[in-house]
């Protein structure tokens, strides 16, 4: 049996981020480091992401700071 996702990333642990949003994020930002450093405004500019999901992503990467 083949998995839908071939790559597992920390994006998979964020509420509201599925395969389509993960692909959109990686396409827009080009790297996980760029996603981690993005502001809520920058994240909101990704096609298919609303402000609530952008805030989830932003908060996820800053919870340990």
C-alpha atoms as a PDB file:
ATOM      1  CA  UNK A   1       0.000   0.000   0.000  1.00  0.00           C
ATOM      2  CA  UNK A   2       1.280   3.424  -0.888  1.00  0.00           C
ATOM      3  CA  UNK A   3       1.060   6.441   1.415  1.00  0.00           C
ATOM      4  CA  UNK A   4      -0.607   9.612   0.160  1.00  0.00           C
ATOM      5  CA  UNK A   5       2.274  11.655   1.481  1.00  0.00           C
ATOM      6  CA  UNK A   6       5.799  10.727   0.548  1.00  0.00           C
ATOM      7  CA  UNK A   7       7.353  13.284   2.864  1.00  0.00           C
ATOM      8  CA  UNK A   8       6.683  13.840   6.546  1.00  0.00           C
ATOM      9  CA  UNK A   9       7.379  17.270   7.942  1.00  0.00           C
ATOM     10  CA  UNK A  10       6.599  19.353  10.993  1.00  0.00           C
ATOM     11  CA  UNK A  11       3.871  21.011   8.907  1.00  0.00           C
ATOM     12  CA  UNK A  12       1.883  17.784   9.301  1.00  0.00           C
ATOM     13  CA  UNK A  13       1.512  18.508  13.028  1.00  0.00           C
ATOM     14  CA  UNK A  14      -0.129  21.912  12.542  1.00  0.00           C
ATOM     15  CA  UNK A  15      -3.936  22.082  12.764  1.00  0.00           C
ATOM     16  CA  UNK A  16      -5.471  23.106   9.446  1.00  0.00           C
ATOM     17  CA  UNK A  17      -2.467  22.159   7.304  1.00  0.00           C
ATOM     18  CA  UNK A  18      -3.060  19.232   4.969  1.00  0.00           C
ATOM     19  CA  UNK A  19      -1.373  18.100   1.769  1.00  0.00           C
ATOM     20  CA  UNK A  20      -2.663  20.973  -0.403  1.00  0.00           C
ATOM     21  CA  UNK A  21      -1.655  23.684   2.045  1.00  0.00           C
ATOM     22  CA  UNK A  22       1.697  22.015   2.694  1.00  0.00           C
ATOM     23  CA  UNK A  23       2.435  21.983  -1.039  1.00  0.00           C
ATOM     24  CA  UNK A  24       1.300  25.608  -1.383  1.00  0.00           C
ATOM     25  CA  UNK A  25       3.563  26.675   1.497  1.00  0.00           C
ATOM     26  CA  UNK A  26       6.609  24.863   0.139  1.00  0.00           C
ATOM     27  CA  UNK A  27       5.962  26.187  -3.351  1.00  0.00           C
ATOM     28  CA  UNK A  28       5.605  29.766  -2.111  1.00  0.00           C
ATOM     29  CA  UNK A  29       8.488  29.834   0.384  1.00  0.00           C
ATOM     30  CA  UNK A  30      10.881  27.281  -1.191  1.00  0.00           C
ATOM     31  CA  UNK A  31      12.227  26.047   2.178  1.00  0.00           C
ATOM     32  CA  UNK A  32      11.101  25.092   5.673  1.00  0.00           C
ATOM     33  CA  UNK A  33      13.448  27.720   7.079  1.00  0.00           C
ATOM     34  CA  UNK A  34      11.618  30.430   5.107  1.00  0.00           C
ATOM     35  CA  UNK A  35       8.271  29.157   6.414  1.00  0.00           C
ATOM     36  CA  UNK A  36       9.567  29.143   9.995  1.00  0.00           C
ATOM     37  CA  UNK A  37      10.763  32.751   9.668  1.00  0.00           C
ATOM     38  CA  UNK A  38       7.646  34.091   7.934  1.00  0.00           C
ATOM     39  CA  UNK A  39       5.273  36.555   9.562  1.00  0.00           C
ATOM     40  CA  UNK A  40       1.529  35.929   9.854  1.00  0.00           C
ATOM     41  CA  UNK A  41       1.034  38.465   7.044  1.00  0.00           C
ATOM     42  CA  UNK A  42       3.496  36.630   4.774  1.00  0.00           C
ATOM     43  CA  UNK A  43       1.904  33.274   5.572  1.00  0.00           C
ATOM     44  CA  UNK A  44      -1.564  34.705   4.853  1.00  0.00           C
ATOM     45  CA  UNK A  45      -0.433  35.619   1.342  1.00  0.00           C
ATOM     46  CA  UNK A  46      -0.074  31.934   0.417  1.00  0.00           C
ATOM     47  CA  UNK A  47      -2.938  30.783  -1.784  1.00  0.00           C
ATOM     48  CA  UNK A  48      -5.430  28.739   0.234  1.00  0.00           C
ATOM     49  CA  UNK A  49      -4.300  29.957   3.662  1.00  0.00           C
ATOM     50  CA  UNK A  50      -6.577  32.081   5.792  1.00  0.00           C
ATOM     51  CA  UNK A  51      -5.420  34.172   8.736  1.00  0.00           C
ATOM     52  CA  UNK A  52      -6.404  31.532  11.288  1.00  0.00           C
ATOM     53  CA  UNK A  53      -4.237  28.841   9.671  1.00  0.00           C
ATOM     54  CA  UNK A  54      -1.418  31.358   9.171  1.00  0.00           C
ATOM     55  CA  UNK A  55      -1.539  32.117  12.906  1.00  0.00           C
ATOM     56  CA  UNK A  56      -1.460  28.366  13.702  1.00  0.00           C
ATOM     57  CA  UNK A  57       1.691  27.991  11.595  1.00  0.00           C
ATOM     58  CA  UNK A  58       3.321  31.102  13.073  1.00  0.00           C
ATOM     59  CA  UNK A  59       2.529  30.021  16.650  1.00  0.00           C
ATOM     60  CA  UNK A  60       3.696  26.446  16.039  1.00  0.00           C
ATOM     61  CA  UNK A  61       7.198  27.527  15.061  1.00  0.00           C
ATOM     62  CA  UNK A  62       7.492  30.027  17.907  1.00  0.00           C
ATOM     63  CA  UNK A  63       6.166  27.938  20.785  1.00  0.00           C
ATOM     64  CA  UNK A  64       9.680  26.976  21.877  1.00  0.00           C
ATOM     65  CA  UNK A  65      11.149  30.461  21.783  1.00  0.00           C
END
